[in-house]
Amino acid sequence: MDLLRSLPLGLYLEQPQTWLHKLDPRVKIAWLMSFLTSYTFANNPWRILLVALLIIFTLIARIPRRVWKQQMGWLLTLALFVFLLISISPDGLGVKYQPRLPTNPQVLTQPAKVTNSHVPASTGISTEYSYILFDQGPVKVTRRSLDLAIRVSTIIFTVIYSSNLYLLTTAPEEITTAIESLMQPLRRLKVPVTEITLTLTLSLRFIPLVLEEVQNLIRSVMTRAINWKKLGLKGAVKVWIIVAERVLNNLLLRAEQMASAMMVRGFTSPNEHQVQWHELRLKARDWLAIAILTLFWGARLVLGNLA
């Protein structure tokens, strides 16, 4: 088990460099926030379209299949499982519905008596509407449960995979540089922008170290071939408590080593020792991405609103 490769947290693909890598990180943040916010108060076709766009972006970016296959596969499986579970669950509307049509079928065959000359006898209203879409034995799918299933399953995929795709194609230093650039107006309110971005950079760099420590300790437990049946529940709990304590000690040691290394290199204050990792400059492809983003929001306002 390799946590560094199987988990999407903090994963950055250095090679190959795709066109998503070359976009300005500020533009990618705008696209990420658009995916996360355009979902709000949108209809179901738009939610499904967001999922399709994320898959299309992954394919046309020519990201290696070995990178996204496992992550996207597990995420699609999770979304499908949630969709099926919610669609067959009770819709939460515990009320009795009055049928729109008379219970007596002879009423439908009788000719309608028009009392008002301005109202035609045949209004053309379809009577094929049914609130219950599927009802076989214990399985019942209603319009509300299906709508809720689409909402929950699509938001799970959109939120997790859009963030994963952003981290996959953007270096941690680029992320913090973009956030610091976008937070510059907050300096007038005396917000410590540099301290916040430095803390974010260290956090993103620390995530792989956490995964590495957890992975090494799990491997050490597996190599000792512990007989869990003989230990019992109480013995197994003691072993995992010892492992958790060891993980915490190792992480604190790593944090202390990182702090010592920064102090040796002169990082006594973020404002006194700043390192410019990347030079942010909008290029032609960035302006093209911004133009497409404008069309994206135009389509959202026209097509994605709730009916």
C-alpha atoms as a PDB file:
ATOM      1  CA  MET A   1       0.000   0.000   0.000  1.00  0.00           C
ATOM      2  CA  ASP A   2       1.452   3.327  -1.096  1.00  0.00           C
ATOM      3  CA  LEU A   3      -0.445   6.195   0.468  1.00  0.00           C
ATOM      4  CA  LEU A   4       1.575   8.790  -1.402  1.00  0.00           C
ATOM      5  CA  ARG A   5       0.290   7.466  -4.729  1.00  0.00           C
ATOM      6  CA  SER A   6      -3.195   6.256  -3.839  1.00  0.00           C
ATOM      7  CA  LEU A   7      -4.421   9.331  -1.956  1.00  0.00           C
ATOM      8  CA  PRO A   8      -5.051  12.597  -3.812  1.00  0.00           C
ATOM      9  CA  LEU A   9      -4.125  14.845  -0.861  1.00  0.00           C
ATOM     10  CA  GLY A  10      -1.139  17.025  -1.621  1.00  0.00           C
ATOM     11  CA  LEU A  11      -0.341  15.150  -4.836  1.00  0.00           C
ATOM     12  CA  TYR A  12       1.414  17.184  -7.541  1.00  0.00           C
ATOM     13  CA  LEU A  13       2.336  15.798 -10.950  1.00  0.00           C
ATOM     14  CA  GLU A  14       5.698  17.244 -11.930  1.00  0.00           C
ATOM     15  CA  GLN A  15       6.044  15.377 -15.229  1.00  0.00           C
ATOM     16  CA  PRO A  16       4.723  15.556 -17.881  1.00  0.00           C
ATOM     17  CA  GLN A  17       3.909  19.250 -18.039  1.00  0.00           C
ATOM     18  CA  THR A  18       0.405  19.571 -19.496  1.00  0.00           C
ATOM     19  CA  TRP A  19      -1.354  22.729 -20.646  1.00  0.00           C
ATOM     20  CA  LEU A  20      -3.110  22.818 -17.277  1.00  0.00           C
ATOM     21  CA  HIS A  21       0.297  23.084 -15.594  1.00  0.00           C
ATOM     22  CA  LYS A  22       1.173  26.099 -17.728  1.00  0.00           C
ATOM     23  CA  LEU A  23      -1.904  28.133 -16.867  1.00  0.00           C
ATOM     24  CA  ASP A  24      -1.561  30.953 -14.377  1.00  0.00           C
ATOM     25  CA  PRO A  25      -2.440  29.693 -10.879  1.00  0.00           C
ATOM     26  CA  ARG A  26      -4.754  32.655 -10.353  1.00  0.00           C
ATOM     27  CA  VAL A  27      -6.752  31.679 -13.420  1.00  0.00           C
ATOM     28  CA  LYS A  28      -6.942  28.101 -12.185  1.00  0.00           C
ATOM     29  CA  ILE A  29      -8.184  29.334  -8.803  1.00  0.00           C
ATOM     30  CA  ALA A  30     -10.918  31.271 -10.618  1.00  0.00           C
ATOM     31  CA  TRP A  31     -11.920  28.117 -12.508  1.00  0.00           C
ATOM     32  CA  LEU A  32     -11.862  26.065  -9.316  1.00  0.00           C
ATOM     33  CA  MET A  33     -14.077  28.529  -7.465  1.00  0.00           C
ATOM     34  CA  SER A  34     -16.400  28.636 -10.475  1.00  0.00           C
ATOM     35  CA  PHE A  35     -16.873  24.874 -10.335  1.00  0.00           C
ATOM     36  CA  LEU A  36     -17.497  25.043  -6.588  1.00  0.00           C
ATOM     37  CA  THR A  37     -19.905  27.991  -6.669  1.00  0.00           C
ATOM     38  CA  SER A  38     -21.804  27.498  -9.938  1.00  0.00           C
ATOM     39  CA  TYR A  39     -23.202  24.320  -8.437  1.00  0.00           C
ATOM     40  CA  THR A  40     -25.277  26.377  -5.998  1.00  0.00           C
ATOM     41  CA  PHE A  41     -28.947  26.770  -7.000  1.00  0.00           C
ATOM     42  CA  ALA A  42     -28.315  24.969 -10.296  1.00  0.00           C
ATOM     43  CA  ASN A  43     -30.538  22.439 -12.000  1.00  0.00           C
ATOM     44  CA  ASN A  44     -29.614  18.799 -12.366  1.00  0.00           C
ATOM     45  CA  PRO A  45     -28.500  18.987 -16.031  1.00  0.00           C
ATOM     46  CA  TRP A  46     -25.959  21.643 -15.070  1.00  0.00           C
ATOM     47  CA  ARG A  47     -24.672  19.515 -12.175  1.00  0.00           C
ATOM     48  CA  ILE A  48     -24.203  16.569 -14.518  1.00  0.00           C
ATOM     49  CA  LEU A  49     -22.492  18.887 -17.012  1.00  0.00           C
ATOM     50  CA  LEU A  50     -19.927  19.901 -14.365  1.00  0.00           C
ATOM     51  CA  VAL A  51     -19.021  16.256 -13.840  1.00  0.00           C
ATOM     52  CA  ALA A  52     -18.682  15.744 -17.587  1.00  0.00           C
ATOM     53  CA  LEU A  53     -16.492  18.859 -17.936  1.00  0.00           C
ATOM     54  CA  LEU A  54     -14.099  17.664 -15.239  1.00  0.00           C
ATOM     55  CA  ILE A  55     -13.710  14.313 -16.984  1.00  0.00           C
ATOM     56  CA  ILE A  56     -13.231  16.021 -20.373  1.00  0.00           C
ATOM     57  CA  PHE A  57     -10.595  18.400 -18.977  1.00  0.00           C
ATOM     58  CA  THR A  58      -8.709  15.447 -17.539  1.00  0.00           C
ATOM     59  CA  LEU A  59      -8.752  13.597 -20.861  1.00  0.00           C
ATOM     60  CA  ILE A  60      -7.822  16.507 -23.148  1.00  0.00           C
ATOM     61  CA  ALA A  61      -5.047  17.604 -20.786  1.00  0.00           C
ATOM     62  CA  ARG A  62      -3.365  14.262 -21.530  1.00  0.00           C
ATOM     63  CA  ILE A  63      -2.667  13.534 -17.903  1.00  0.00           C
ATOM     64  CA  PRO A  64      -1.171  10.020 -17.666  1.00  0.00           C
ATOM     65  CA  ARG A  65      -3.807   7.359 -17.222  1.00  0.00           C
ATOM     66  CA  ARG A  66      -1.959   5.787 -14.293  1.00  0.00           C
ATOM     67  CA  VAL A  67      -2.379   9.048 -12.368  1.00  0.00           C
ATOM     68  CA  TRP A  68      -6.109   9.641 -12.661  1.00  0.00           C
ATOM     69  CA  LYS A  69      -7.445   6.131 -13.328  1.00  0.00           C
ATOM     70  CA  GLN A  70      -7.471   4.910  -9.738  1.00  0.00           C
ATOM     71  CA  GLN A  71      -8.564   8.189  -8.165  1.00  0.00           C
ATOM     72  CA  MET A  72     -11.338   8.887 -10.672  1.00  0.00           C
ATOM     73  CA  GLY A  73     -12.421   5.247 -10.613  1.00  0.00           C
ATOM     74  CA  TRP A  74     -12.855   5.147  -6.849  1.00  0.00           C
ATOM     75  CA  LEU A  75     -14.567   8.527  -6.845  1.00  0.00           C
ATOM     76  CA  LEU A  76     -17.009   7.536  -9.594  1.00  0.00           C
ATOM     77  CA  THR A  77     -17.725   4.317  -7.726  1.00  0.00           C
ATOM     78  CA  LEU A  78     -18.432   6.270  -4.540  1.00  0.00           C
ATOM     79  CA  ALA A  79     -20.696   8.717  -6.391  1.00  0.00           C
ATOM     80  CA  LEU A  80     -22.588   5.862  -8.060  1.00  0.00           C
ATOM     81  CA  PHE A  81     -23.036   4.074  -4.727  1.00  0.00           C
ATOM     82  CA  VAL A  82     -24.376   7.251  -3.111  1.00  0.00           C
ATOM     83  CA  PHE A  83     -26.685   7.806  -6.086  1.00  0.00           C
ATOM     84  CA  LEU A  84     -28.179   4.311  -5.842  1.00  0.00           C
ATOM     85  CA  LEU A  85     -28.473   4.450  -2.050  1.00  0.00           C
ATOM     86  CA  ILE A  86     -30.288   7.788  -1.958  1.00  0.00           C
ATOM     87  CA  SER A  87     -32.510   7.081  -4.966  1.00  0.00           C
ATOM     88  CA  ILE A  88     -34.049   4.021  -3.293  1.00  0.00           C
ATOM     89  CA  SER A  89     -34.220   5.623   0.155  1.00  0.00           C
ATOM     90  CA  PRO A  90     -37.377   7.335   1.457  1.00  0.00           C
ATOM     91  CA  ASP A  91     -37.661  10.838   0.058  1.00  0.00           C
ATOM     92  CA  GLY A  92     -38.495  12.365   3.439  1.00  0.00           C
ATOM     93  CA  LEU A  93     -41.934  13.589   2.453  1.00  0.00           C
ATOM     94  CA  GLY A  94     -44.094  11.663   4.881  1.00  0.00           C
ATOM     95  CA  VAL A  95     -47.417  12.968   3.623  1.00  0.00           C
ATOM     96  CA  LYS A  96     -50.270  11.399   1.764  1.00  0.00           C
ATOM     97  CA  TYR A  97     -50.809  12.639  -1.756  1.00  0.00           C
ATOM     98  CA  GLN A  98     -54.230  13.071  -3.239  1.00  0.00           C
ATOM     99  CA  PRO A  99     -54.354  11.543  -6.726  1.00  0.00           C
ATOM    100  CA  ARG A 100     -54.822  14.026  -9.526  1.00  0.00           C
ATOM    101  CA  LEU A 101     -57.138  11.685 -11.411  1.00  0.00           C
ATOM    102  CA  PRO A 102     -60.402  10.258 -10.078  1.00  0.00           C
ATOM    103  CA  THR A 103     -60.202   6.812  -8.564  1.00  0.00           C
ATOM    104  CA  ASN A 104     -63.239   5.764 -10.610  1.00  0.00           C
ATOM    105  CA  PRO A 105     -62.057   5.005 -14.185  1.00  0.00           C
ATOM    106  CA  GLN A 106     -65.578   5.586 -15.562  1.00  0.00           C
ATOM    107  CA  VAL A 107     -65.275   9.268 -14.843  1.00  0.00           C
ATOM    108  CA  LEU A 108     -62.476   9.537 -17.393  1.00  0.00           C
ATOM    109  CA  THR A 109     -64.579   7.950 -20.131  1.00  0.00           C
ATOM    110  CA  GLN A 110     -67.582  10.246 -19.612  1.00  0.00           C
ATOM    111  CA  PRO A 111     -67.778  13.307 -21.856  1.00  0.00           C
ATOM    112  CA  ALA A 112     -66.803  16.526 -20.169  1.00  0.00           C
ATOM    113  CA  LYS A 113     -69.554  19.069 -19.557  1.00  0.00           C
ATOM    114  CA  VAL A 114     -68.378  22.546 -20.452  1.00  0.00           C
ATOM    115  CA  THR A 115     -70.071  25.128 -18.326  1.00  0.00           C
ATOM    116  CA  ASN A 116     -68.070  28.038 -19.686  1.00  0.00           C
ATOM    117  CA  SER A 117     -68.072  28.692 -23.400  1.00  0.00           C
ATOM    118  CA  HIS A 118     -64.616  30.260 -23.226  1.00  0.00           C
ATOM    119  CA  VAL A 119     -63.010  27.065 -21.866  1.00  0.00           C
ATOM    120  CA  PRO A 120     -62.424  24.328 -24.485  1.00  0.00           C
ATOM    121  CA  ALA A 121     -63.470  20.771 -23.734  1.00  0.00           C
ATOM    122  CA  SER A 122     -60.000  19.429 -24.420  1.00  0.00           C
ATOM    123  CA  THR A 123     -57.243  21.390 -22.682  1.00  0.00           C
ATOM    124  CA  GLY A 124     -54.411  19.223 -23.982  1.00  0.00           C
ATOM    125  CA  ILE A 125     -53.007  18.590 -20.507  1.00  0.00           C
ATOM    126  CA  SER A 126     -51.037  15.348 -20.328  1.00  0.00           C
ATOM    127  CA  THR A 127     -52.082  12.901 -17.647  1.00  0.00           C
ATOM    128  CA  GLU A 128     -48.874  10.853 -17.823  1.00  0.00           C
ATOM    129  CA  TYR A 129     -47.283  12.520 -14.797  1.00  0.00           C
ATOM    130  CA  SER A 130     -46.328  10.137 -11.990  1.00  0.00           C
ATOM    131  CA  TYR A 131     -44.560  11.064  -8.772  1.00  0.00           C
ATOM    132  CA  ILE A 132     -43.416   7.469  -8.228  1.00  0.00           C
ATOM    133  CA  LEU A 133     -40.999   6.541 -11.014  1.00  0.00           C
ATOM    134  CA  PHE A 134     -40.283   2.946 -10.000  1.00  0.00           C
ATOM    135  CA  ASP A 135     -42.029   0.713  -7.498  1.00  0.00           C
ATOM    136  CA  GLN A 136     -41.163  -2.965  -7.379  1.00  0.00           C
ATOM    137  CA  GLY A 137     -41.361  -4.700  -4.021  1.00  0.00           C
ATOM    138  CA  PRO A 138     -39.311  -2.880  -1.380  1.00  0.00           C
ATOM    139  CA  VAL A 139     -37.601  -0.660  -3.976  1.00  0.00           C
ATOM    140  CA  LYS A 140     -39.339   2.634  -4.631  1.00  0.00           C
ATOM    141  CA  VAL A 141     -37.855   5.557  -6.555  1.00  0.00           C
ATOM    142  CA  THR A 142     -39.680   8.878  -6.474  1.00  0.00           C
ATOM    143  CA  ARG A 143     -38.976  12.114  -8.268  1.00  0.00           C
ATOM    144  CA  ARG A 144     -37.721  13.760  -5.100  1.00  0.00           C
ATOM    145  CA  SER A 145     -35.399  10.881  -4.149  1.00  0.00           C
ATOM    146  CA  LEU A 146     -33.971  10.807  -7.685  1.00  0.00           C
ATOM    147  CA  ASP A 147     -33.421  14.561  -7.637  1.00  0.00           C
ATOM    148  CA  LEU A 148     -31.705  14.366  -4.245  1.00  0.00           C
ATOM    149  CA  ALA A 149     -29.548  11.440  -5.415  1.00  0.00           C
ATOM    150  CA  ILE A 150     -28.313  13.424  -8.419  1.00  0.00           C
ATOM    151  CA  ARG A 151     -27.544  16.443  -6.239  1.00  0.00           C
ATOM    152  CA  VAL A 152     -25.545  14.584  -3.608  1.00  0.00           C
ATOM    153  CA  SER A 153     -23.625  12.280  -5.963  1.00  0.00           C
ATOM    154  CA  THR A 154     -22.629  15.079  -8.348  1.00  0.00           C
ATOM    155  CA  ILE A 155     -21.546  17.442  -5.580  1.00  0.00           C
ATOM    156  CA  ILE A 156     -19.343  14.721  -4.065  1.00  0.00           C
ATOM    157  CA  PHE A 157     -17.574  14.187  -7.381  1.00  0.00           C
ATOM    158  CA  THR A 158     -17.387  17.889  -8.290  1.00  0.00           C
ATOM    159  CA  VAL A 159     -15.984  19.124  -4.980  1.00  0.00           C
ATOM    160  CA  ILE A 160     -13.430  16.350  -4.485  1.00  0.00           C
ATOM    161  CA  TYR A 161     -12.222  15.894  -8.046  1.00  0.00           C
ATOM    162  CA  SER A 162     -12.047  19.587  -8.983  1.00  0.00           C
ATOM    163  CA  SER A 163      -9.850  20.227  -5.941  1.00  0.00           C
ATOM    164  CA  ASN A 164      -7.799  17.137  -6.744  1.00  0.00           C
ATOM    165  CA  LEU A 165      -7.293  18.244 -10.352  1.00  0.00           C
ATOM    166  CA  TYR A 166      -6.151  21.674  -9.168  1.00  0.00           C
ATOM    167  CA  LEU A 167      -3.620  20.182  -6.760  1.00  0.00           C
ATOM    168  CA  LEU A 168      -2.529  17.713  -9.416  1.00  0.00           C
ATOM    169  CA  THR A 169      -1.556  20.427 -11.908  1.00  0.00           C
ATOM    170  CA  THR A 170      -0.422  23.240  -9.566  1.00  0.00           C
ATOM    171  CA  ALA A 171       2.704  23.269  -7.440  1.00  0.00           C
ATOM    172  CA  PRO A 172       2.266  24.210  -3.755  1.00  0.00           C
ATOM    173  CA  GLU A 173       4.467  27.289  -4.217  1.00  0.00           C
ATOM    174  CA  GLU A 174       2.307  28.444  -7.132  1.00  0.00           C
ATOM    175  CA  ILE A 175      -0.824  28.043  -5.025  1.00  0.00           C
ATOM    176  CA  THR A 176       0.511  30.166  -2.186  1.00  0.00           C
ATOM    177  CA  THR A 177       1.913  32.786  -4.555  1.00  0.00           C
ATOM    178  CA  ALA A 178      -1.453  33.091  -6.300  1.00  0.00           C
ATOM    179  CA  ILE A 179      -3.313  33.350  -2.991  1.00  0.00           C
ATOM    180  CA  GLU A 180      -0.897  35.996  -1.734  1.00  0.00           C
ATOM    181  CA  SER A 181      -1.390  37.970  -4.953  1.00  0.00           C
ATOM    182  CA  LEU A 182      -5.169  37.795  -4.652  1.00  0.00           C
ATOM    183  CA  MET A 183      -5.060  38.757  -0.959  1.00  0.00           C
ATOM    184  CA  GLN A 184      -2.994  41.922  -1.460  1.00  0.00           C
ATOM    185  CA  PRO A 185      -5.994  44.268  -0.909  1.00  0.00           C
ATOM    186  CA  LEU A 186      -6.365  42.814   2.599  1.00  0.00           C
ATOM    187  CA  ARG A 187      -3.059  44.395   3.613  1.00  0.00           C
ATOM    188  CA  ARG A 188      -4.905  47.694   3.983  1.00  0.00           C
ATOM    189  CA  LEU A 189      -6.954  46.054   6.721  1.00  0.00           C
ATOM    190  CA  LYS A 190      -3.719  44.962   8.451  1.00  0.00           C
ATOM    191  CA  VAL A 191      -4.287  41.302   7.661  1.00  0.00           C
ATOM    192  CA  PRO A 192      -0.997  39.303   7.905  1.00  0.00           C
ATOM    193  CA  VAL A 193      -1.093  38.083   4.301  1.00  0.00           C
ATOM    194  CA  THR A 194       2.529  36.945   4.193  1.00  0.00           C
ATOM    195  CA  GLU A 195       2.226  34.959   7.416  1.00  0.00           C
ATOM    196  CA  ILE A 196      -0.922  33.249   6.146  1.00  0.00           C
ATOM    197  CA  THR A 197       0.637  32.271   2.822  1.00  0.00           C
ATOM    198  CA  LEU A 198       3.818  31.029   4.495  1.00  0.00           C
ATOM    199  CA  THR A 199       1.755  28.883   6.864  1.00  0.00           C
ATOM    200  CA  LEU A 200      -0.203  27.525   3.898  1.00  0.00           C
ATOM    201  CA  THR A 201       3.034  26.683   2.061  1.00  0.00           C
ATOM    202  CA  LEU A 202       4.375  24.781   5.054  1.00  0.00           C
ATOM    203  CA  SER A 203       1.067  22.956   5.444  1.00  0.00           C
ATOM    204  CA  LEU A 204       1.059  21.813   1.826  1.00  0.00           C
ATOM    205  CA  ARG A 205       4.672  20.678   2.159  1.00  0.00           C
ATOM    206  CA  PHE A 206       3.896  18.885   5.420  1.00  0.00           C
ATOM    207  CA  ILE A 207       1.040  16.751   4.036  1.00  0.00           C
ATOM    208  CA  PRO A 208       3.364  14.336   2.152  1.00  0.00           C
ATOM    209  CA  LEU A 209       5.476  13.963   5.298  1.00  0.00           C
ATOM    210  CA  VAL A 210       2.394  12.945   7.288  1.00  0.00           C
ATOM    211  CA  LEU A 211       1.446  10.353   4.664  1.00  0.00           C
ATOM    212  CA  GLU A 212       4.994   9.053   4.587  1.00  0.00           C
ATOM    213  CA  GLU A 213       5.133   8.584   8.368  1.00  0.00           C
ATOM    214  CA  VAL A 214       1.761   6.813   8.446  1.00  0.00           C
ATOM    215  CA  GLN A 215       2.801   4.599   5.548  1.00  0.00           C
ATOM    216  CA  ASN A 216       6.109   3.620   7.154  1.00  0.00           C
ATOM    217  CA  LEU A 217       4.492   2.718  10.483  1.00  0.00           C
ATOM    218  CA  ILE A 218       1.759   0.652   8.807  1.00  0.00           C
ATOM    219  CA  ARG A 219       4.396  -1.230   6.863  1.00  0.00           C
ATOM    220  CA  SER A 220       6.378  -1.831  10.047  1.00  0.00           C
ATOM    221  CA  VAL A 221       3.293  -3.313  11.714  1.00  0.00           C
ATOM    222  CA  MET A 222       2.570  -5.525   8.682  1.00  0.00           C
ATOM    223  CA  THR A 223       6.142  -6.869   8.504  1.00  0.00           C
ATOM    224  CA  ARG A 224       5.988  -8.069  12.110  1.00  0.00           C
ATOM    225  CA  ALA A 225       3.218 -10.560  11.225  1.00  0.00           C
ATOM    226  CA  ILE A 226       1.181  -9.874  14.348  1.00  0.00           C
ATOM    227  CA  ASN A 227      -1.435 -12.508  15.142  1.00  0.00           C
ATOM    228  CA  TRP A 228      -4.429 -10.249  15.702  1.00  0.00           C
ATOM    229  CA  LYS A 229      -6.721 -13.139  16.686  1.00  0.00           C
ATOM    230  CA  LYS A 230      -4.564 -14.019  19.678  1.00  0.00           C
ATOM    231  CA  LEU A 231      -4.309 -10.399  20.750  1.00  0.00           C
ATOM    232  CA  GLY A 232      -8.044  -9.896  20.834  1.00  0.00           C
ATOM    233  CA  LEU A 233      -9.834  -6.577  20.745  1.00  0.00           C
ATOM    234  CA  LYS A 234      -8.092  -5.134  23.807  1.00  0.00           C
ATOM    235  CA  GLY A 235      -4.634  -6.097  22.567  1.00  0.00           C
ATOM    236  CA  ALA A 236      -5.297  -4.737  19.080  1.00  0.00           C
ATOM    237  CA  VAL A 237      -6.445  -1.416  20.533  1.00  0.00           C
ATOM    238  CA  LYS A 238      -3.240  -1.180  22.585  1.00  0.00           C
ATOM    239  CA  VAL A 239      -1.109  -1.833  19.489  1.00  0.00           C
ATOM    240  CA  TRP A 240      -2.840   0.869  17.452  1.00  0.00           C
ATOM    241  CA  ILE A 241      -2.597   3.331  20.350  1.00  0.00           C
ATOM    242  CA  ILE A 242       1.168   2.739  20.407  1.00  0.00           C
ATOM    243  CA  VAL A 243       1.287   3.250  16.622  1.00  0.00           C
ATOM    244  CA  ALA A 244      -0.710   6.498  16.867  1.00  0.00           C
ATOM    245  CA  GLU A 245       1.576   7.764  19.630  1.00  0.00           C
ATOM    246  CA  ARG A 246       4.620   6.954  17.491  1.00  0.00           C
ATOM    247  CA  VAL A 247       3.112   8.778  14.517  1.00  0.00           C
ATOM    248  CA  LEU A 248       2.506  11.866  16.634  1.00  0.00           C
ATOM    249  CA  ASN A 249       6.058  11.822  18.003  1.00  0.00           C
ATOM    250  CA  ASN A 250       7.544  11.481  14.512  1.00  0.00           C
ATOM    251  CA  LEU A 251       5.415  14.326  13.159  1.00  0.00           C
ATOM    252  CA  LEU A 252       6.426  16.622  16.018  1.00  0.00           C
ATOM    253  CA  LEU A 253      10.061  15.722  15.363  1.00  0.00           C
ATOM    254  CA  ARG A 254       9.658  16.521  11.657  1.00  0.00           C
ATOM    255  CA  ALA A 255       8.027  19.862  12.502  1.00  0.00           C
ATOM    256  CA  GLU A 256      10.867  20.744  14.873  1.00  0.00           C
ATOM    257  CA  GLN A 257      13.455  19.867  12.221  1.00  0.00           C
ATOM    258  CA  MET A 258      11.628  22.017   9.657  1.00  0.00           C
ATOM    259  CA  ALA A 259      11.492  24.964  12.072  1.00  0.00           C
ATOM    260  CA  SER A 260      15.203  24.628  12.864  1.00  0.00           C
ATOM    261  CA  ALA A 261      16.074  24.496   9.151  1.00  0.00           C
ATOM    262  CA  MET A 262      14.064  27.667   8.502  1.00  0.00           C
ATOM    263  CA  MET A 263      15.697  29.533  11.382  1.00  0.00           C
ATOM    264  CA  VAL A 264      19.179  28.551  10.176  1.00  0.00           C
ATOM    265  CA  ARG A 265      18.360  29.923   6.729  1.00  0.00           C
ATOM    266  CA  GLY A 266      17.161  33.221   8.149  1.00  0.00           C
ATOM    267  CA  PHE A 267      13.401  32.765   8.161  1.00  0.00           C
ATOM    268  CA  THR A 268      12.964  34.672  11.425  1.00  0.00           C
ATOM    269  CA  SER A 269      10.045  36.682  10.044  1.00  0.00           C
ATOM    270  CA  PRO A 270       8.037  36.281   6.815  1.00  0.00           C
ATOM    271  CA  ASN A 271       8.323  39.986   6.017  1.00  0.00           C
ATOM    272  CA  GLU A 272      12.113  40.017   6.437  1.00  0.00           C
ATOM    273  CA  HIS A 273      12.924  36.952   4.380  1.00  0.00           C
ATOM    274  CA  GLN A 274      10.601  36.486   1.434  1.00  0.00           C
ATOM    275  CA  VAL A 275      11.275  34.137  -1.432  1.00  0.00           C
ATOM    276  CA  GLN A 276       9.570  34.767  -4.758  1.00  0.00           C
ATOM    277  CA  TRP A 277       8.907  31.283  -6.056  1.00  0.00           C
ATOM    278  CA  HIS A 278       7.161  32.235  -9.278  1.00  0.00           C
ATOM    279  CA  GLU A 279       6.620  35.358 -11.345  1.00  0.00           C
ATOM    280  CA  LEU A 280       2.932  35.717 -12.063  1.00  0.00           C
ATOM    281  CA  ARG A 281       2.211  37.044 -15.540  1.00  0.00           C
ATOM    282  CA  LEU A 282      -0.897  36.527 -17.624  1.00  0.00           C
ATOM    283  CA  LYS A 283      -0.156  35.147 -21.081  1.00  0.00           C
ATOM    284  CA  ALA A 284      -2.268  34.529 -24.166  1.00  0.00           C
ATOM    285  CA  ARG A 285      -3.497  31.126 -22.988  1.00  0.00           C
ATOM    286  CA  ASP A 286      -4.495  32.662 -19.650  1.00  0.00           C
ATOM    287  CA  TRP A 287      -6.607  35.327 -21.339  1.00  0.00           C
ATOM    288  CA  LEU A 288      -8.198  32.609 -23.464  1.00  0.00           C
ATOM    289  CA  ALA A 289      -9.045  30.671 -20.294  1.00  0.00           C
ATOM    290  CA  ILE A 290     -10.574  33.819 -18.788  1.00  0.00           C
ATOM    291  CA  ALA A 291     -12.686  34.351 -21.927  1.00  0.00           C
ATOM    292  CA  ILE A 292     -13.906  30.754 -21.787  1.00  0.00           C
ATOM    293  CA  LEU A 293     -14.669  31.229 -18.090  1.00  0.00           C
ATOM    294  CA  THR A 294     -16.848  34.221 -19.002  1.00  0.00           C
ATOM    295  CA  LEU A 295     -18.762  32.044 -21.465  1.00  0.00           C
ATOM    296  CA  PHE A 296     -19.009  29.396 -18.759  1.00  0.00           C
ATOM    297  CA  TRP A 297     -20.771  31.777 -16.388  1.00  0.00           C
ATOM    298  CA  GLY A 298     -22.970  33.053 -19.208  1.00  0.00           C
ATOM    299  CA  ALA A 299     -24.117  29.507 -19.879  1.00  0.00           C
ATOM    300  CA  ARG A 300     -24.654  29.014 -16.150  1.00  0.00           C
ATOM    301  CA  LEU A 301     -26.943  32.054 -15.914  1.00  0.00           C
ATOM    302  CA  VAL A 302     -28.902  31.081 -19.023  1.00  0.00           C
ATOM    303  CA  LEU A 303     -29.094  27.286 -18.802  1.00  0.00           C
ATOM    304  CA  GLY A 304     -28.246  26.341 -15.233  1.00  0.00           C
ATOM    305  CA  ASN A 305     -30.912  28.132 -13.226  1.00  0.00           C
ATOM    306  CA  LEU A 306     -33.579  26.179 -11.429  1.00  0.00           C
ATOM    307  CA  ALA A 307     -36.915  26.074 -13.186  1.00  0.00           C
END
